[in-house]
Amino acid sequence: MAIPLLLAGFSGIASIASFIMKHPFVSKMMIFGVFTALLTLAFTYLKNLVAPYIVGNSLMSLAAYFGVLDGISIYITILVAGFGVKQVLAFVRS
């Protein structure tokens, strides 16, 4: 007796899920999550690729002492944040 109710409940949940998946805003949110994850992986990979060269260079210790590396870090952070906001707005607009 409870089996038909259980099947009807699962059928209702499946139809709601399929309706939500077809909604353009929900699909954009899912694509945006994958896009953000790929960007994070790319930046982590590049950072790990470049880090040994920065640590091994003696000139970089002088640059770190004078704050050049902090300035470059802030500059890159501003560029990435600005690019990210621009891409999010363009993605939502489309």
N, C-alpha and C. Protein backbone atom coordinates (compact mmCIF):
# COMPACT_ATOMS: atom_id res chain seq x y z
N MET A 1 0.82 -1.19 0.00
CA MET A 1 0.00 0.00 0.00
C MET A 1 0.87 1.26 0.00
N ALA A 2 1.99 1.20 0.68
CA ALA A 2 2.86 2.37 0.72
C ALA A 2 3.73 2.49 -0.53
N ILE A 3 3.90 1.40 -1.26
CA ILE A 3 4.75 1.40 -2.45
C ILE A 3 4.21 2.36 -3.52
N PRO A 4 2.90 2.38 -3.84
CA PRO A 4 2.43 3.33 -4.86
C PRO A 4 2.64 4.78 -4.42
N LEU A 5 2.48 5.05 -3.14
CA LEU A 5 2.72 6.42 -2.67
C LEU A 5 4.20 6.78 -2.78
N LEU A 6 5.06 5.83 -2.51
CA LEU A 6 6.49 6.06 -2.61
C LEU A 6 6.89 6.30 -4.06
N LEU A 7 6.34 5.50 -4.97
CA LEU A 7 6.63 5.69 -6.39
C LEU A 7 6.09 7.03 -6.90
N ALA A 8 4.92 7.42 -6.43
CA ALA A 8 4.36 8.72 -6.84
C ALA A 8 5.23 9.86 -6.31
N GLY A 9 5.72 9.70 -5.11
CA GLY A 9 6.60 10.73 -4.54
C GLY A 9 7.90 10.86 -5.33
N PHE A 10 8.52 9.72 -5.67
CA PHE A 10 9.74 9.76 -6.47
C PHE A 10 9.49 10.33 -7.86
N SER A 11 8.34 10.00 -8.43
CA SER A 11 7.97 10.53 -9.75
C SER A 11 7.80 12.05 -9.69
N GLY A 12 7.19 12.54 -8.62
CA GLY A 12 7.02 13.98 -8.46
C GLY A 12 8.35 14.69 -8.29
N ILE A 13 9.23 14.11 -7.49
CA ILE A 13 10.56 14.70 -7.29
C ILE A 13 11.33 14.71 -8.61
N ALA A 14 11.23 13.64 -9.39
CA ALA A 14 11.93 13.58 -10.67
C ALA A 14 11.39 14.61 -11.65
N SER A 15 10.07 14.81 -11.68
CA SER A 15 9.51 15.80 -12.61
C SER A 15 9.90 17.22 -12.18
N ILE A 16 9.95 17.48 -10.88
CA ILE A 16 10.39 18.80 -10.41
C ILE A 16 11.86 19.00 -10.74
N ALA A 17 12.67 17.97 -10.56
CA ALA A 17 14.10 18.08 -10.86
C ALA A 17 14.33 18.32 -12.35
N SER A 18 13.59 17.64 -13.20
CA SER A 18 13.76 17.86 -14.64
C SER A 18 13.31 19.26 -15.04
N PHE A 19 12.26 19.78 -14.42
CA PHE A 19 11.82 21.15 -14.70
C PHE A 19 12.87 22.16 -14.28
N ILE A 20 13.46 21.94 -13.11
CA ILE A 20 14.49 22.86 -12.61
C ILE A 20 15.73 22.80 -13.50
N MET A 21 16.11 21.61 -13.95
CA MET A 21 17.30 21.48 -14.79
C MET A 21 17.13 22.17 -16.14
N LYS A 22 15.90 22.24 -16.62
CA LYS A 22 15.66 22.89 -17.91
C LYS A 22 15.59 24.40 -17.78
N HIS A 23 15.51 24.91 -16.58
CA HIS A 23 15.44 26.36 -16.37
C HIS A 23 16.79 26.97 -16.73
N PRO A 24 16.81 28.04 -17.55
CA PRO A 24 18.09 28.58 -18.02
C PRO A 24 18.97 29.15 -16.90
N PHE A 25 18.38 29.73 -15.89
CA PHE A 25 19.18 30.31 -14.82
C PHE A 25 19.87 29.22 -14.00
N VAL A 26 19.19 28.11 -13.78
CA VAL A 26 19.78 27.00 -13.02
C VAL A 26 20.92 26.38 -13.82
N SER A 27 20.73 26.22 -15.12
CA SER A 27 21.80 25.66 -15.94
C SER A 27 23.00 26.61 -15.98
N LYS A 28 22.75 27.92 -15.98
CA LYS A 28 23.85 28.88 -15.92
C LYS A 28 24.60 28.77 -14.60
N MET A 29 23.88 28.56 -13.52
CA MET A 29 24.54 28.42 -12.22
C MET A 29 25.41 27.17 -12.19
N MET A 30 24.96 26.09 -12.80
CA MET A 30 25.75 24.86 -12.82
C MET A 30 27.00 25.04 -13.68
N ILE A 31 26.85 25.69 -14.84
CA ILE A 31 28.01 25.94 -15.70
C ILE A 31 28.97 26.89 -15.01
N PHE A 32 28.47 27.88 -14.28
CA PHE A 32 29.33 28.83 -13.59
C PHE A 32 30.16 28.14 -12.50
N GLY A 33 29.57 27.17 -11.83
CA GLY A 33 30.32 26.43 -10.82
C GLY A 33 31.49 25.67 -11.43
N VAL A 34 31.26 25.04 -12.57
CA VAL A 34 32.34 24.32 -13.26
C VAL A 34 33.39 25.31 -13.74
N PHE A 35 32.97 26.46 -14.28
CA PHE A 35 33.89 27.49 -14.76
C PHE A 35 34.76 28.01 -13.62
N THR A 36 34.17 28.26 -12.47
CA THR A 36 34.92 28.74 -11.32
C THR A 36 35.91 27.69 -10.84
N ALA A 37 35.51 26.44 -10.83
CA ALA A 37 36.42 25.37 -10.41
C ALA A 37 37.60 25.24 -11.37
N LEU A 38 37.35 25.35 -12.66
CA LEU A 38 38.44 25.27 -13.63
C LEU A 38 39.41 26.44 -13.49
N LEU A 39 38.88 27.64 -13.24
CA LEU A 39 39.76 28.79 -13.02
C LEU A 39 40.62 28.60 -11.77
N THR A 40 40.02 28.10 -10.71
CA THR A 40 40.78 27.86 -9.48
C THR A 40 41.88 26.83 -9.71
N LEU A 41 41.57 25.76 -10.42
CA LEU A 41 42.58 24.75 -10.72
C LEU A 41 43.70 25.32 -11.59
N ALA A 42 43.35 26.16 -12.56
CA ALA A 42 44.36 26.74 -13.44
C ALA A 42 45.30 27.66 -12.66
N PHE A 43 44.75 28.50 -11.79
CA PHE A 43 45.60 29.41 -11.01
C PHE A 43 46.48 28.64 -10.02
N THR A 44 45.95 27.60 -9.43
CA THR A 44 46.75 26.78 -8.51
C THR A 44 47.88 26.08 -9.25
N TYR A 45 47.59 25.57 -10.42
CA TYR A 45 48.62 24.92 -11.22
C TYR A 45 49.72 25.90 -11.61
N LEU A 46 49.34 27.09 -12.07
CA LEU A 46 50.34 28.08 -12.46
C LEU A 46 51.17 28.53 -11.26
N LYS A 47 50.52 28.69 -10.11
CA LYS A 47 51.26 29.09 -8.91
C LYS A 47 52.27 28.02 -8.51
N ASN A 48 51.86 26.77 -8.55
CA ASN A 48 52.78 25.68 -8.22
C ASN A 48 53.89 25.53 -9.25
N LEU A 49 53.61 25.90 -10.48
CA LEU A 49 54.62 25.81 -11.54
C LEU A 49 55.69 26.90 -11.38
N VAL A 50 55.29 28.09 -10.95
CA VAL A 50 56.20 29.23 -10.88
C VAL A 50 56.89 29.34 -9.52
N ALA A 51 56.30 28.80 -8.48
CA ALA A 51 56.82 28.97 -7.12
C ALA A 51 58.27 28.54 -6.95
N PRO A 52 58.73 27.42 -7.49
CA PRO A 52 60.15 27.05 -7.28
C PRO A 52 61.13 28.07 -7.87
N TYR A 53 60.77 28.70 -8.96
CA TYR A 53 61.66 29.68 -9.57
C TYR A 53 61.72 30.96 -8.74
N ILE A 54 60.60 31.32 -8.14
CA ILE A 54 60.58 32.54 -7.32
C ILE A 54 61.34 32.31 -6.02
N VAL A 55 61.17 31.16 -5.39
CA VAL A 55 61.82 30.86 -4.12
C VAL A 55 63.33 30.70 -4.32
N GLY A 56 63.74 30.11 -5.42
CA GLY A 56 65.16 29.84 -5.65
C GLY A 56 65.96 31.04 -6.11
N ASN A 57 65.34 32.14 -6.46
CA ASN A 57 66.05 33.30 -6.98
C ASN A 57 66.43 34.23 -5.83
N SER A 58 67.70 34.62 -5.74
CA SER A 58 68.15 35.49 -4.65
C SER A 58 67.67 36.93 -4.85
N LEU A 59 67.43 37.31 -6.07
CA LEU A 59 66.94 38.67 -6.33
C LEU A 59 65.52 38.85 -5.80
N MET A 60 64.77 37.78 -5.72
CA MET A 60 63.40 37.86 -5.22
C MET A 60 63.35 38.18 -3.73
N SER A 61 64.37 37.77 -2.98
CA SER A 61 64.39 38.13 -1.55
C SER A 61 64.52 39.64 -1.39
N LEU A 62 65.29 40.27 -2.25
CA LEU A 62 65.40 41.73 -2.23
C LEU A 62 64.08 42.38 -2.64
N ALA A 63 63.43 41.82 -3.64
CA ALA A 63 62.13 42.35 -4.06
C ALA A 63 61.09 42.18 -2.96
N ALA A 64 61.13 41.06 -2.26
CA ALA A 64 60.20 40.84 -1.15
C ALA A 64 60.48 41.82 -0.02
N TYR A 65 61.75 42.14 0.20
CA TYR A 65 62.12 43.08 1.27
C TYR A 65 61.55 44.47 0.98
N PHE A 66 61.58 44.89 -0.27
CA PHE A 66 61.09 46.22 -0.63
C PHE A 66 59.59 46.23 -0.94
N GLY A 67 58.92 45.10 -0.89
CA GLY A 67 57.47 45.05 -1.07
C GLY A 67 57.02 44.94 -2.51
N VAL A 68 57.93 44.64 -3.41
CA VAL A 68 57.55 44.53 -4.82
C VAL A 68 56.62 43.34 -5.04
N LEU A 69 56.91 42.24 -4.36
CA LEU A 69 56.07 41.05 -4.54
C LEU A 69 54.66 41.28 -4.00
N ASP A 70 54.54 42.03 -2.91
CA ASP A 70 53.20 42.36 -2.39
C ASP A 70 52.44 43.23 -3.39
N GLY A 71 53.13 44.16 -4.00
CA GLY A 71 52.49 45.02 -5.01
C GLY A 71 52.03 44.22 -6.21
N ILE A 72 52.87 43.31 -6.66
CA ILE A 72 52.49 42.46 -7.80
C ILE A 72 51.30 41.57 -7.42
N SER A 73 51.30 41.05 -6.21
CA SER A 73 50.20 40.21 -5.75
C SER A 73 48.89 40.98 -5.72
N ILE A 74 48.93 42.20 -5.22
CA ILE A 74 47.71 43.02 -5.19
C ILE A 74 47.24 43.34 -6.60
N TYR A 75 48.18 43.66 -7.48
CA TYR A 75 47.83 43.98 -8.87
C TYR A 75 47.17 42.78 -9.56
N ILE A 76 47.75 41.60 -9.39
CA ILE A 76 47.17 40.41 -10.02
C ILE A 76 45.81 40.08 -9.42
N THR A 77 45.66 40.28 -8.11
CA THR A 77 44.37 40.04 -7.46
C THR A 77 43.29 40.96 -8.02
N ILE A 78 43.63 42.23 -8.21
CA ILE A 78 42.67 43.18 -8.78
C ILE A 78 42.30 42.79 -10.21
N LEU A 79 43.30 42.39 -11.00
CA LEU A 79 43.02 41.98 -12.38
C LEU A 79 42.11 40.76 -12.43
N VAL A 80 42.41 39.76 -11.62
CA VAL A 80 41.60 38.53 -11.64
C VAL A 80 40.19 38.81 -11.13
N ALA A 81 40.06 39.62 -10.07
CA ALA A 81 38.73 39.94 -9.55
C ALA A 81 37.91 40.73 -10.57
N GLY A 82 38.54 41.70 -11.23
CA GLY A 82 37.84 42.48 -12.25
C GLY A 82 37.41 41.62 -13.42
N PHE A 83 38.30 40.72 -13.85
CA PHE A 83 37.95 39.81 -14.94
C PHE A 83 36.81 38.89 -14.53
N GLY A 84 36.87 38.39 -13.30
CA GLY A 84 35.82 37.50 -12.82
C GLY A 84 34.46 38.18 -12.77
N VAL A 85 34.42 39.41 -12.26
CA VAL A 85 33.15 40.15 -12.19
C VAL A 85 32.62 40.42 -13.59
N LYS A 86 33.51 40.79 -14.50
CA LYS A 86 33.09 41.06 -15.87
C LYS A 86 32.50 39.80 -16.51
N GLN A 87 33.13 38.65 -16.29
CA GLN A 87 32.64 37.42 -16.86
C GLN A 87 31.31 36.99 -16.23
N VAL A 88 31.17 37.19 -14.94
CA VAL A 88 29.90 36.83 -14.27
C VAL A 88 28.77 37.69 -14.80
N LEU A 89 29.00 38.99 -14.94
CA LEU A 89 27.95 39.87 -15.45
C LEU A 89 27.58 39.55 -16.89
N ALA A 90 28.58 39.24 -17.71
CA ALA A 90 28.29 38.87 -19.09
C ALA A 90 27.56 37.53 -19.17
N PHE A 91 27.90 36.63 -18.26
CA PHE A 91 27.26 35.32 -18.25
C PHE A 91 25.80 35.41 -17.83
N VAL A 92 25.54 36.22 -16.83
CA VAL A 92 24.15 36.39 -16.36
C VAL A 92 23.32 37.15 -17.39
N ARG A 93 23.93 38.10 -18.06
CA ARG A 93 23.23 38.92 -19.04
C ARG A 93 22.80 38.11 -20.24
N SER A 94 23.60 37.10 -20.62
CA SER A 94 23.28 36.31 -21.84
C SER A 94 22.16 35.32 -21.59
